[in-house]
Amino acid sequence: MATLRASFSVAAEVLLEFNEMVPAGERSKVIQSLMQQALAECQKRTEAIAEEFDTHPDFRIARGDTAAFETAVADGLDK
């Protein structure tokens, strides 16, 4: 996997303590791991919202509208 450099603003006291506690050779790995955890949590929340939309009875009408719209969106695009 290619790597990229990034610049983030972090409270000085947090960064100073992080740099004291985490060895220089491990910092990028730790930050990457934390980012991956945050991404997984965001994905989990998004999937939970989608699941609720797909199954909750209050969204029945909206699901019908969505299905009709999805059919219409592609109508005639193959011409």
C-alpha atoms as a PDB file:
ATOM      1  CA  MET A   1       0.000   0.000   0.000  1.00  0.00           C
ATOM      2  CA  ALA A   2       1.319   3.439  -0.910  1.00  0.00           C
ATOM      3  CA  THR A   3       1.782   5.893   1.904  1.00  0.00           C
ATOM      4  CA  LEU A   4       1.007   9.596   2.026  1.00  0.00           C
ATOM      5  CA  ARG A   5       2.147  12.317   4.379  1.00  0.00           C
ATOM      6  CA  ALA A   6      -0.566  14.305   6.118  1.00  0.00           C
ATOM      7  CA  SER A   7      -0.742  17.363   8.294  1.00  0.00           C
ATOM      8  CA  PHE A   8      -3.270  17.595  11.140  1.00  0.00           C
ATOM      9  CA  SER A   9      -3.804  20.104  13.896  1.00  0.00           C
ATOM     10  CA  VAL A  10      -3.641  18.501  17.336  1.00  0.00           C
ATOM     11  CA  ALA A  11      -3.731  20.155  20.735  1.00  0.00           C
ATOM     12  CA  ALA A  12      -0.150  20.771  21.804  1.00  0.00           C
ATOM     13  CA  GLU A  13      -0.451  18.928  25.111  1.00  0.00           C
ATOM     14  CA  VAL A  14      -1.891  15.856  23.389  1.00  0.00           C
ATOM     15  CA  LEU A  15       0.830  15.759  20.761  1.00  0.00           C
ATOM     16  CA  LEU A  16       3.586  16.303  23.288  1.00  0.00           C
ATOM     17  CA  GLU A  17       2.314  13.478  25.493  1.00  0.00           C
ATOM     18  CA  PHE A  18       1.786  11.213  22.462  1.00  0.00           C
ATOM     19  CA  ASN A  19       5.364  11.860  21.336  1.00  0.00           C
ATOM     20  CA  GLU A  20       6.623  11.095  24.853  1.00  0.00           C
ATOM     21  CA  MET A  21       4.633   7.872  25.233  1.00  0.00           C
ATOM     22  CA  VAL A  22       4.802   6.378  21.737  1.00  0.00           C
ATOM     23  CA  PRO A  23       8.238   5.590  20.292  1.00  0.00           C
ATOM     24  CA  ALA A  24       9.101   7.429  17.078  1.00  0.00           C
ATOM     25  CA  GLY A  25       9.148   4.235  15.006  1.00  0.00           C
ATOM     26  CA  GLU A  26       5.604   3.294  16.063  1.00  0.00           C
ATOM     27  CA  ARG A  27       3.748   6.614  15.782  1.00  0.00           C
ATOM     28  CA  SER A  28       2.577   6.255  12.193  1.00  0.00           C
ATOM     29  CA  LYS A  29       1.351   2.708  12.873  1.00  0.00           C
ATOM     30  CA  VAL A  30      -0.586   3.884  15.929  1.00  0.00           C
ATOM     31  CA  ILE A  31      -2.172   6.799  14.048  1.00  0.00           C
ATOM     32  CA  GLN A  32      -3.073   4.513  11.130  1.00  0.00           C
ATOM     33  CA  SER A  33      -4.644   2.009  13.501  1.00  0.00           C
ATOM     34  CA  LEU A  34      -6.717   4.743  15.157  1.00  0.00           C
ATOM     35  CA  MET A  35      -7.853   6.007  11.747  1.00  0.00           C
ATOM     36  CA  GLN A  36      -8.852   2.486  10.721  1.00  0.00           C
ATOM     37  CA  GLN A  37     -10.873   2.109  13.931  1.00  0.00           C
ATOM     38  CA  ALA A  38     -12.617   5.439  13.285  1.00  0.00           C
ATOM     39  CA  LEU A  39     -13.408   4.403   9.702  1.00  0.00           C
ATOM     40  CA  ALA A  40     -14.809   1.068  10.875  1.00  0.00           C
ATOM     41  CA  GLU A  41     -17.051   2.842  13.396  1.00  0.00           C
ATOM     42  CA  CYS A  42     -18.313   5.253  10.719  1.00  0.00           C
ATOM     43  CA  GLN A  43     -18.997   2.333   8.368  1.00  0.00           C
ATOM     44  CA  LYS A  44     -20.841   0.495  11.133  1.00  0.00           C
ATOM     45  CA  ARG A  45     -23.085   3.531  11.797  1.00  0.00           C
ATOM     46  CA  THR A  46     -23.773   3.955   8.083  1.00  0.00           C
ATOM     47  CA  GLU A  47     -24.693   0.277   7.748  1.00  0.00           C
ATOM     48  CA  ALA A  48     -26.995   0.535  10.784  1.00  0.00           C
ATOM     49  CA  ILE A  49     -28.812   3.489   9.205  1.00  0.00           C
ATOM     50  CA  ALA A  50     -29.169   1.611   5.913  1.00  0.00           C
ATOM     51  CA  GLU A  51     -30.445  -1.481   7.742  1.00  0.00           C
ATOM     52  CA  GLU A  52     -33.027   0.592   9.601  1.00  0.00           C
ATOM     53  CA  PHE A  53     -34.188   2.182   6.357  1.00  0.00           C
ATOM     54  CA  ASP A  54     -34.443  -1.247   4.711  1.00  0.00           C
ATOM     55  CA  THR A  55     -36.405  -2.853   7.548  1.00  0.00           C
ATOM     56  CA  HIS A  56     -38.232  -0.303   9.732  1.00  0.00           C
ATOM     57  CA  PRO A  57     -41.976  -0.115   8.992  1.00  0.00           C
ATOM     58  CA  ASP A  58     -41.959   3.694   9.204  1.00  0.00           C
ATOM     59  CA  PHE A  59     -39.868   3.828   6.035  1.00  0.00           C
ATOM     60  CA  ARG A  60     -42.144   1.567   3.955  1.00  0.00           C
ATOM     61  CA  ILE A  61     -43.461   4.429   1.797  1.00  0.00           C
ATOM     62  CA  ALA A  62     -39.990   5.891   1.343  1.00  0.00           C
ATOM     63  CA  ARG A  63     -38.670   2.481   0.220  1.00  0.00           C
ATOM     64  CA  GLY A  64     -41.431   2.318  -2.383  1.00  0.00           C
ATOM     65  CA  ASP A  65     -40.599   5.817  -3.629  1.00  0.00           C
ATOM     66  CA  THR A  66     -36.912   4.937  -3.783  1.00  0.00           C
ATOM     67  CA  ALA A  67     -37.589   1.769  -5.780  1.00  0.00           C
ATOM     68  CA  ALA A  68     -39.721   3.685  -8.287  1.00  0.00           C
ATOM     69  CA  PHE A  69     -37.052   6.370  -8.641  1.00  0.00           C
ATOM     70  CA  GLU A  70     -34.256   3.826  -9.152  1.00  0.00           C
ATOM     71  CA  THR A  71     -36.251   2.249 -11.971  1.00  0.00           C
ATOM     72  CA  ALA A  72     -36.845   5.633 -13.625  1.00  0.00           C
ATOM     73  CA  VAL A  73     -33.234   6.801 -13.320  1.00  0.00           C
ATOM     74  CA  ALA A  74     -31.918   4.166 -15.703  1.00  0.00           C
ATOM     75  CA  ASP A  75     -34.898   4.345 -18.070  1.00  0.00           C
ATOM     76  CA  GLY A  76     -33.687   5.054 -21.603  1.00  0.00           C
ATOM     77  CA  LEU A  77     -29.993   5.223 -20.786  1.00  0.00           C
ATOM     78  CA  ASP A  78     -29.171   2.275 -23.022  1.00  0.00           C
ATOM     79  CA  LYS A  79     -30.180   4.194 -26.173  1.00  0.00           C
END
